[in-house]
Amino acid sequence: MDFTPLYTSLLSFWYFIPLFFCLAILRSAWFKGVMGEFLVNVIARWQLDKQHYHLIKNVTLPTEDGTTQIDHIIVSVYGVFVVETKNIRGWIFGNPSQKNWTQQLYKHKYTFQNPLQQNHKHLKTLQALLNLSDEQVFSVIVFIGDSDFKTPMPDNVTYGLGYVRYIKSKTNPVLNLAEKENLISQIESGRLSPSLKTNREHVAHVRQLVERKLIDAPICSRCGHKMVKRQSKKGDNAGQFFWGCSQYPKCRNINTV
């Protein structure tokens, strides 16, 4: 019996496996995050004069309850800029006071953590480490990708090159050259060494925080299952959050947050 056609088919199939693997990586959240950070690095090195602005990327700092990871820190005499990168497509809805913002892709809506509040912890951790005043440190959010803000955003929430314009808009020196160099040295010495181990430990810490939030979730008074936090999409309560039973639609019990 001639198995040549079968072998040929199997060989043809194996050729596609690397392609499928590459496509999976390209579509992963990890790769989007890496590409977003890479683009921000390229823009910073291209648009910001190295003599005046010092870029430090991927900084993991120890905190009282674990670690916090900062995408980019840019140090200059005009202040220390803490940059959070978001590689998100679609329409973006949100305001500084909301806990979660909304991403809309065609007819589908997804929520994600308010990046201003997310970056606030990064900023405060760095501020405490370096003993900086509120006038010396700035939070910057930059969206990379085909996104469009559908609600008014503060000046420090930007697209692409917009974050460089925001940084350059700060023209009042708040540090001298000696202080700038000292801050760079403190950040480099105070950070955890960049490595796979550091990244794994940070990811594990984030997972613990997520699990802790799940543990703290209330129990449904009707069926006894965990409740999950959801956001109203329609009606008078649109945008507000509530606890909904995890067994929805079997159980429609809700609680206010």
C-alpha atoms as a PDB file:
ATOM      1  CA  MET A   1       0.000   0.000   0.000  1.00  0.00           C
ATOM      2  CA  ASP A   2       1.359   3.397  -1.030  1.00  0.00           C
ATOM      3  CA  PHE A   3       1.387   5.849   1.922  1.00  0.00           C
ATOM      4  CA  THR A   4       3.059   8.628  -0.078  1.00  0.00           C
ATOM      5  CA  PRO A   5      -0.111  10.783  -0.397  1.00  0.00           C
ATOM      6  CA  LEU A   6      -0.682  10.507   3.377  1.00  0.00           C
ATOM      7  CA  TYR A   7       2.900  11.509   4.152  1.00  0.00           C
ATOM      8  CA  THR A   8       2.634  14.418   1.741  1.00  0.00           C
ATOM      9  CA  SER A   9      -0.577  15.625   3.416  1.00  0.00           C
ATOM     10  CA  LEU A  10       0.959  15.368   6.882  1.00  0.00           C
ATOM     11  CA  LEU A  11       4.045  17.303   5.783  1.00  0.00           C
ATOM     12  CA  SER A  12       1.846  20.001   4.258  1.00  0.00           C
ATOM     13  CA  PHE A  13      -0.097  20.242   7.537  1.00  0.00           C
ATOM     14  CA  TRP A  14       3.081  20.607   9.623  1.00  0.00           C
ATOM     15  CA  TYR A  15       4.102  23.594   7.515  1.00  0.00           C
ATOM     16  CA  PHE A  16       1.070  25.479   8.854  1.00  0.00           C
ATOM     17  CA  ILE A  17       1.827  24.890  12.550  1.00  0.00           C
ATOM     18  CA  PRO A  18       4.525  27.617  12.787  1.00  0.00           C
ATOM     19  CA  LEU A  19       2.139  29.976  10.985  1.00  0.00           C
ATOM     20  CA  PHE A  20      -0.687  29.268  13.447  1.00  0.00           C
ATOM     21  CA  PHE A  21       1.747  29.699  16.334  1.00  0.00           C
ATOM     22  CA  CYS A  22       2.951  33.075  15.007  1.00  0.00           C
ATOM     23  CA  LEU A  23      -0.625  34.283  14.466  1.00  0.00           C
ATOM     24  CA  ALA A  24      -1.539  33.307  18.027  1.00  0.00           C
ATOM     25  CA  ILE A  25       1.410  35.299  19.377  1.00  0.00           C
ATOM     26  CA  LEU A  26       0.617  38.336  17.209  1.00  0.00           C
ATOM     27  CA  ARG A  27      -2.975  38.395  18.479  1.00  0.00           C
ATOM     28  CA  SER A  28      -2.081  37.862  22.133  1.00  0.00           C
ATOM     29  CA  ALA A  29      -2.474  40.579  24.769  1.00  0.00           C
ATOM     30  CA  TRP A  30       1.188  40.037  25.726  1.00  0.00           C
ATOM     31  CA  PHE A  31       2.428  40.844  22.218  1.00  0.00           C
ATOM     32  CA  LYS A  32       0.170  43.886  21.929  1.00  0.00           C
ATOM     33  CA  GLY A  33       1.544  45.165  25.208  1.00  0.00           C
ATOM     34  CA  VAL A  34       5.153  44.582  24.106  1.00  0.00           C
ATOM     35  CA  MET A  35       4.545  46.310  20.761  1.00  0.00           C
ATOM     36  CA  GLY A  36       2.838  49.249  22.456  1.00  0.00           C
ATOM     37  CA  GLU A  37       5.772  49.742  24.808  1.00  0.00           C
ATOM     38  CA  PHE A  38       8.231  49.352  21.912  1.00  0.00           C
ATOM     39  CA  LEU A  39       6.477  52.075  19.899  1.00  0.00           C
ATOM     40  CA  VAL A  40       6.451  54.434  22.885  1.00  0.00           C
ATOM     41  CA  ASN A  41      10.196  53.814  23.344  1.00  0.00           C
ATOM     42  CA  VAL A  42      10.879  54.536  19.664  1.00  0.00           C
ATOM     43  CA  ILE A  43       8.814  57.742  19.757  1.00  0.00           C
ATOM     44  CA  ALA A  44      10.565  58.934  22.917  1.00  0.00           C
ATOM     45  CA  ARG A  45      14.052  58.303  21.518  1.00  0.00           C
ATOM     46  CA  TRP A  46      13.064  59.963  18.229  1.00  0.00           C
ATOM     47  CA  GLN A  47      11.255  63.016  19.580  1.00  0.00           C
ATOM     48  CA  LEU A  48      12.877  63.749  22.958  1.00  0.00           C
ATOM     49  CA  ASP A  49      16.402  65.150  23.129  1.00  0.00           C
ATOM     50  CA  LYS A  50      18.599  62.743  25.114  1.00  0.00           C
ATOM     51  CA  GLN A  51      20.488  65.674  26.608  1.00  0.00           C
ATOM     52  CA  HIS A  52      17.321  66.867  28.328  1.00  0.00           C
ATOM     53  CA  TYR A  53      15.170  63.723  28.743  1.00  0.00           C
ATOM     54  CA  HIS A  54      16.343  60.375  30.141  1.00  0.00           C
ATOM     55  CA  LEU A  55      14.162  57.331  29.347  1.00  0.00           C
ATOM     56  CA  ILE A  56      14.017  54.346  31.708  1.00  0.00           C
ATOM     57  CA  LYS A  57      11.755  51.500  30.588  1.00  0.00           C
ATOM     58  CA  ASN A  58      10.083  48.536  32.245  1.00  0.00           C
ATOM     59  CA  VAL A  59      10.739  49.460  35.870  1.00  0.00           C
ATOM     60  CA  THR A  60       9.534  47.077  38.601  1.00  0.00           C
ATOM     61  CA  LEU A  61       9.539  48.619  42.080  1.00  0.00           C
ATOM     62  CA  PRO A  62       8.974  46.924  45.434  1.00  0.00           C
ATOM     63  CA  THR A  63       5.906  48.043  47.407  1.00  0.00           C
ATOM     64  CA  GLU A  64       4.551  47.227  50.858  1.00  0.00           C
ATOM     65  CA  ASP A  65       2.204  44.582  49.417  1.00  0.00           C
ATOM     66  CA  GLY A  66       4.354  43.247  46.564  1.00  0.00           C
ATOM     67  CA  THR A  67       5.521  45.031  43.424  1.00  0.00           C
ATOM     68  CA  THR A  68       4.333  47.589  40.904  1.00  0.00           C
ATOM     69  CA  GLN A  69       5.495  47.749  37.294  1.00  0.00           C
ATOM     70  CA  ILE A  70       5.947  51.001  35.359  1.00  0.00           C
ATOM     71  CA  ASP A  71       6.118  50.944  31.551  1.00  0.00           C
ATOM     72  CA  HIS A  72       8.296  54.046  31.145  1.00  0.00           C
ATOM     73  CA  ILE A  73       9.814  56.759  33.330  1.00  0.00           C
ATOM     74  CA  ILE A  74      11.145  59.897  31.659  1.00  0.00           C
ATOM     75  CA  VAL A  75      13.333  62.128  33.834  1.00  0.00           C
ATOM     76  CA  SER A  76      14.109  65.760  32.996  1.00  0.00           C
ATOM     77  CA  VAL A  77      14.601  69.076  34.758  1.00  0.00           C
ATOM     78  CA  TYR A  78      10.956  69.743  33.865  1.00  0.00           C
ATOM     79  CA  GLY A  79       9.770  66.835  36.000  1.00  0.00           C
ATOM     80  CA  VAL A  80       9.533  63.067  36.233  1.00  0.00           C
ATOM     81  CA  PHE A  81       6.964  61.621  33.816  1.00  0.00           C
ATOM     82  CA  VAL A  82       5.384  58.261  34.637  1.00  0.00           C
ATOM     83  CA  VAL A  83       4.038  56.808  31.374  1.00  0.00           C
ATOM     84  CA  GLU A  84       1.396  54.069  31.108  1.00  0.00           C
ATOM     85  CA  THR A  85       0.893  52.478  27.666  1.00  0.00           C
ATOM     86  CA  LYS A  86      -2.402  51.096  26.354  1.00  0.00           C
ATOM     87  CA  ASN A  87      -2.505  49.218  23.042  1.00  0.00           C
ATOM     88  CA  ILE A  88      -6.296  49.240  22.574  1.00  0.00           C
ATOM     89  CA  ARG A  89      -8.393  49.609  19.414  1.00  0.00           C
ATOM     90  CA  GLY A  90     -11.879  51.016  18.942  1.00  0.00           C
ATOM     91  CA  TRP A  91     -13.892  53.772  20.571  1.00  0.00           C
ATOM     92  CA  ILE A  92     -12.828  54.697  24.113  1.00  0.00           C
ATOM     93  CA  PHE A  93     -15.288  56.069  26.675  1.00  0.00           C
ATOM     94  CA  GLY A  94     -14.359  57.223  30.171  1.00  0.00           C
ATOM     95  CA  ASN A  95     -13.621  60.030  32.572  1.00  0.00           C
ATOM     96  CA  PRO A  96     -11.031  60.445  35.356  1.00  0.00           C
ATOM     97  CA  SER A  97     -13.462  59.599  38.174  1.00  0.00           C
ATOM     98  CA  GLN A  98     -14.719  56.281  36.746  1.00  0.00           C
ATOM     99  CA  LYS A  99     -13.195  53.048  38.069  1.00  0.00           C
ATOM    100  CA  ASN A 100     -13.476  51.383  34.645  1.00  0.00           C
ATOM    101  CA  TRP A 101     -13.497  52.716  31.095  1.00  0.00           C
ATOM    102  CA  THR A 102     -15.233  51.200  28.077  1.00  0.00           C
ATOM    103  CA  GLN A 103     -13.807  50.020  24.782  1.00  0.00           C
ATOM    104  CA  GLN A 104     -16.267  49.570  21.903  1.00  0.00           C
ATOM    105  CA  LEU A 105     -15.356  47.482  18.875  1.00  0.00           C
ATOM    106  CA  TYR A 106     -18.228  47.584  16.400  1.00  0.00           C
ATOM    107  CA  LYS A 107     -21.233  46.401  18.448  1.00  0.00           C
ATOM    108  CA  HIS A 108     -19.194  44.818  21.233  1.00  0.00           C
ATOM    109  CA  LYS A 109     -18.283  46.631  24.453  1.00  0.00           C
ATOM    110  CA  TYR A 110     -15.554  45.718  26.918  1.00  0.00           C
ATOM    111  CA  THR A 111     -14.461  47.340  30.172  1.00  0.00           C
ATOM    112  CA  PHE A 112     -10.898  47.907  31.339  1.00  0.00           C
ATOM    113  CA  GLN A 113      -9.377  49.556  34.396  1.00  0.00           C
ATOM    114  CA  ASN A 114      -9.221  53.336  34.320  1.00  0.00           C
ATOM    115  CA  PRO A 115      -5.568  53.861  33.272  1.00  0.00           C
ATOM    116  CA  LEU A 116      -5.364  57.129  35.230  1.00  0.00           C
ATOM    117  CA  GLN A 117      -6.198  55.293  38.454  1.00  0.00           C
ATOM    118  CA  GLN A 118      -3.920  52.400  37.461  1.00  0.00           C
ATOM    119  CA  ASN A 119      -1.022  54.794  36.895  1.00  0.00           C
ATOM    120  CA  HIS A 120      -1.761  56.662  40.130  1.00  0.00           C
ATOM    121  CA  LYS A 121      -0.259  53.805  42.187  1.00  0.00           C
ATOM    122  CA  HIS A 122       2.814  53.798  39.966  1.00  0.00           C
ATOM    123  CA  LEU A 123       3.200  57.545  40.399  1.00  0.00           C
ATOM    124  CA  LYS A 124       2.735  57.492  44.182  1.00  0.00           C
ATOM    125  CA  THR A 125       5.184  54.611  44.607  1.00  0.00           C
ATOM    126  CA  LEU A 126       7.837  56.466  42.632  1.00  0.00           C
ATOM    127  CA  GLN A 127       7.013  59.738  44.369  1.00  0.00           C
ATOM    128  CA  ALA A 128       7.546  58.155  47.793  1.00  0.00           C
ATOM    129  CA  LEU A 129      10.763  56.447  46.674  1.00  0.00           C
ATOM    130  CA  LEU A 130      12.251  59.688  45.334  1.00  0.00           C
ATOM    131  CA  ASN A 131      10.680  62.094  47.841  1.00  0.00           C
ATOM    132  CA  LEU A 132       9.160  64.223  45.057  1.00  0.00           C
ATOM    133  CA  SER A 133       6.469  66.870  45.387  1.00  0.00           C
ATOM    134  CA  ASP A 134       3.233  66.828  43.369  1.00  0.00           C
ATOM    135  CA  GLU A 135       4.690  69.608  41.183  1.00  0.00           C
ATOM    136  CA  GLN A 136       7.668  67.427  40.207  1.00  0.00           C
ATOM    137  CA  VAL A 137       5.942  64.272  38.978  1.00  0.00           C
ATOM    138  CA  PHE A 138       3.411  63.813  36.174  1.00  0.00           C
ATOM    139  CA  SER A 139       1.152  60.941  35.101  1.00  0.00           C
ATOM    140  CA  VAL A 140       0.938  60.333  31.343  1.00  0.00           C
ATOM    141  CA  ILE A 141      -1.341  57.867  29.530  1.00  0.00           C
ATOM    142  CA  VAL A 142      -0.650  57.047  25.885  1.00  0.00           C
ATOM    143  CA  PHE A 143      -2.939  54.934  23.679  1.00  0.00           C
ATOM    144  CA  ILE A 144      -1.200  53.104  20.831  1.00  0.00           C
ATOM    145  CA  GLY A 145      -3.333  51.577  18.088  1.00  0.00           C
ATOM    146  CA  ASP A 146      -6.421  52.485  16.119  1.00  0.00           C
ATOM    147  CA  SER A 147      -8.375  54.056  18.978  1.00  0.00           C
ATOM    148  CA  ASP A 148     -10.631  57.095  19.156  1.00  0.00           C
ATOM    149  CA  PHE A 149     -11.691  58.978  22.284  1.00  0.00           C
ATOM    150  CA  LYS A 150     -15.458  59.451  22.334  1.00  0.00           C
ATOM    151  CA  THR A 151     -15.540  61.391  25.604  1.00  0.00           C
ATOM    152  CA  PRO A 152     -13.458  64.422  26.622  1.00  0.00           C
ATOM    153  CA  MET A 153     -10.081  63.420  28.053  1.00  0.00           C
ATOM    154  CA  PRO A 154      -7.619  65.391  30.215  1.00  0.00           C
ATOM    155  CA  ASP A 155      -4.435  66.683  28.557  1.00  0.00           C
ATOM    156  CA  ASN A 156      -2.322  63.854  29.972  1.00  0.00           C
ATOM    157  CA  VAL A 157      -4.405  61.150  28.234  1.00  0.00           C
ATOM    158  CA  THR A 158      -3.141  61.048  24.655  1.00  0.00           C
ATOM    159  CA  TYR A 159      -2.685  59.178  21.379  1.00  0.00           C
ATOM    160  CA  GLY A 160       0.689  58.294  19.828  1.00  0.00           C
ATOM    161  CA  LEU A 161       2.854  61.407  19.536  1.00  0.00           C
ATOM    162  CA  GLY A 162       0.464  63.319  21.799  1.00  0.00           C
ATOM    163  CA  TYR A 163       2.285  62.158  24.904  1.00  0.00           C
ATOM    164  CA  VAL A 164       5.510  63.781  23.654  1.00  0.00           C
ATOM    165  CA  ARG A 165       3.671  67.055  23.085  1.00  0.00           C
ATOM    166  CA  TYR A 166       2.304  66.854  26.620  1.00  0.00           C
ATOM    167  CA  ILE A 167       5.790  66.258  28.056  1.00  0.00           C
ATOM    168  CA  LYS A 168       7.262  69.130  26.013  1.00  0.00           C
ATOM    169  CA  SER A 169       4.456  71.412  27.211  1.00  0.00           C
ATOM    170  CA  LYS A 170       6.082  71.367  30.657  1.00  0.00           C
ATOM    171  CA  THR A 171       8.682  74.115  30.256  1.00  0.00           C
ATOM    172  CA  ASN A 172       9.061  75.293  33.846  1.00  0.00           C
ATOM    173  CA  PRO A 173      12.150  73.679  35.458  1.00  0.00           C
ATOM    174  CA  VAL A 174      11.288  71.950  38.743  1.00  0.00           C
ATOM    175  CA  LEU A 175      14.655  70.186  39.173  1.00  0.00           C
ATOM    176  CA  ASN A 176      18.255  71.211  38.640  1.00  0.00           C
ATOM    177  CA  LEU A 177      20.750  69.102  36.678  1.00  0.00           C
ATOM    178  CA  ALA A 178      22.310  67.592  39.797  1.00  0.00           C
ATOM    179  CA  GLU A 179      18.870  66.595  41.135  1.00  0.00           C
ATOM    180  CA  LYS A 180      17.973  65.075  37.757  1.00  0.00           C
ATOM    181  CA  GLU A 181      21.105  62.883  37.695  1.00  0.00           C
ATOM    182  CA  ASN A 182      20.557  61.874  41.308  1.00  0.00           C
ATOM    183  CA  LEU A 183      16.974  60.802  40.570  1.00  0.00           C
ATOM    184  CA  ILE A 184      18.112  58.669  37.636  1.00  0.00           C
ATOM    185  CA  SER A 185      20.653  56.973  39.895  1.00  0.00           C
ATOM    186  CA  GLN A 186      18.036  56.367  42.599  1.00  0.00           C
ATOM    187  CA  ILE A 187      15.576  54.812  40.145  1.00  0.00           C
ATOM    188  CA  GLU A 188      18.229  52.517  38.678  1.00  0.00           C
ATOM    189  CA  SER A 189      19.411  51.415  42.133  1.00  0.00           C
ATOM    190  CA  GLY A 190      15.914  51.106  43.637  1.00  0.00           C
ATOM    191  CA  ARG A 191      14.334  49.046  40.861  1.00  0.00           C
ATOM    192  CA  LEU A 192      14.277  45.270  40.840  1.00  0.00           C
ATOM    193  CA  SER A 193      16.673  43.777  38.305  1.00  0.00           C
ATOM    194  CA  PRO A 194      14.895  43.351  34.927  1.00  0.00           C
ATOM    195  CA  SER A 195      14.548  39.602  34.379  1.00  0.00           C
ATOM    196  CA  LEU A 196      12.040  36.872  33.618  1.00  0.00           C
ATOM    197  CA  LYS A 197      12.006  36.017  37.324  1.00  0.00           C
ATOM    198  CA  THR A 198      11.056  39.599  38.281  1.00  0.00           C
ATOM    199  CA  ASN A 199       8.315  39.646  35.673  1.00  0.00           C
ATOM    200  CA  ARG A 200       6.949  36.262  36.814  1.00  0.00           C
ATOM    201  CA  GLU A 201       6.864  37.415  40.426  1.00  0.00           C
ATOM    202  CA  HIS A 202       5.036  40.612  39.445  1.00  0.00           C
ATOM    203  CA  VAL A 203       2.469  38.660  37.391  1.00  0.00           C
ATOM    204  CA  ALA A 204       1.951  36.295  40.334  1.00  0.00           C
ATOM    205  CA  HIS A 205       1.357  39.281  42.621  1.00  0.00           C
ATOM    206  CA  VAL A 206      -1.249  40.714  40.228  1.00  0.00           C
ATOM    207  CA  ARG A 207      -2.998  37.348  40.112  1.00  0.00           C
ATOM    208  CA  GLN A 208      -3.107  37.259  43.909  1.00  0.00           C
ATOM    209  CA  LEU A 209      -4.756  40.685  43.929  1.00  0.00           C
ATOM    210  CA  VAL A 210      -7.362  39.481  41.420  1.00  0.00           C
ATOM    211  CA  GLU A 211      -8.029  36.335  43.462  1.00  0.00           C
ATOM    212  CA  ARG A 212      -8.345  38.450  46.610  1.00  0.00           C
ATOM    213  CA  LYS A 213     -10.988  40.598  44.924  1.00  0.00           C
ATOM    214  CA  LEU A 214     -12.882  37.443  43.941  1.00  0.00           C
ATOM    215  CA  ILE A 215     -12.688  36.176  47.506  1.00  0.00           C
ATOM    216  CA  ASP A 216     -14.062  39.506  48.772  1.00  0.00           C
ATOM    217  CA  ALA A 217     -17.010  39.365  46.360  1.00  0.00           C
ATOM    218  CA  PRO A 218     -20.412  38.988  48.081  1.00  0.00           C
ATOM    219  CA  ILE A 219     -22.471  35.796  48.005  1.00  0.00           C
ATOM    220  CA  CYS A 220     -25.786  35.786  46.159  1.00  0.00           C
ATOM    221  CA  SER A 221     -28.623  35.734  48.730  1.00  0.00           C
ATOM    222  CA  ARG A 222     -30.817  33.684  46.398  1.00  0.00           C
ATOM    223  CA  CYS A 223     -28.637  30.854  45.115  1.00  0.00           C
ATOM    224  CA  GLY A 224     -25.460  31.041  47.217  1.00  0.00           C
ATOM    225  CA  HIS A 225     -23.012  31.532  44.339  1.00  0.00           C
ATOM    226  CA  LYS A 226     -20.390  34.267  44.053  1.00  0.00           C
ATOM    227  CA  MET A 227     -21.447  37.603  42.627  1.00  0.00           C
ATOM    228  CA  VAL A 228     -19.399  39.518  40.055  1.00  0.00           C
ATOM    229  CA  LYS A 229     -19.100  43.249  39.454  1.00  0.00           C
ATOM    230  CA  ARG A 230     -20.844  44.402  36.285  1.00  0.00           C
ATOM    231  CA  GLN A 231     -21.617  47.729  34.622  1.00  0.00           C
ATOM    232  CA  SER A 232     -25.025  48.913  33.444  1.00  0.00           C
ATOM    233  CA  LYS A 233     -25.076  49.490  29.696  1.00  0.00           C
ATOM    234  CA  LYS A 234     -28.516  51.029  29.234  1.00  0.00           C
ATOM    235  CA  GLY A 235     -31.188  53.042  30.982  1.00  0.00           C
ATOM    236  CA  ASP A 236     -30.959  55.661  33.705  1.00  0.00           C
ATOM    237  CA  ASN A 237     -28.156  53.751  35.479  1.00  0.00           C
ATOM    238  CA  ALA A 238     -25.908  53.446  32.398  1.00  0.00           C
ATOM    239  CA  GLY A 239     -22.248  53.476  33.416  1.00  0.00           C
ATOM    240  CA  GLN A 240     -22.909  52.567  37.042  1.00  0.00           C
ATOM    241  CA  PHE A 241     -21.592  49.355  38.612  1.00  0.00           C
ATOM    242  CA  PHE A 242     -23.520  46.668  40.465  1.00  0.00           C
ATOM    243  CA  TRP A 243     -23.053  43.145  41.828  1.00  0.00           C
ATOM    244  CA  GLY A 244     -24.714  40.533  39.625  1.00  0.00           C
ATOM    245  CA  CYS A 245     -25.008  36.824  40.277  1.00  0.00           C
ATOM    246  CA  SER A 246     -22.368  34.732  38.486  1.00  0.00           C
ATOM    247  CA  GLN A 247     -25.150  32.283  37.515  1.00  0.00           C
ATOM    248  CA  TYR A 248     -26.918  34.839  35.297  1.00  0.00           C
ATOM    249  CA  PRO A 249     -29.272  34.310  33.424  1.00  0.00           C
ATOM    250  CA  LYS A 250     -30.381  31.409  35.662  1.00  0.00           C
ATOM    251  CA  CYS A 251     -30.276  33.787  38.636  1.00  0.00           C
ATOM    252  CA  ARG A 252     -30.939  37.485  38.085  1.00  0.00           C
ATOM    253  CA  ASN A 253     -30.292  38.698  41.610  1.00  0.00           C
ATOM    254  CA  ILE A 254     -28.365  41.995  41.887  1.00  0.00           C
ATOM    255  CA  ASN A 255     -26.898  44.133  44.669  1.00  0.00           C
ATOM    256  CA  THR A 256     -25.674  47.719  44.635  1.00  0.00           C
ATOM    257  CA  VAL A 257     -21.926  48.320  44.904  1.00  0.00           C
END
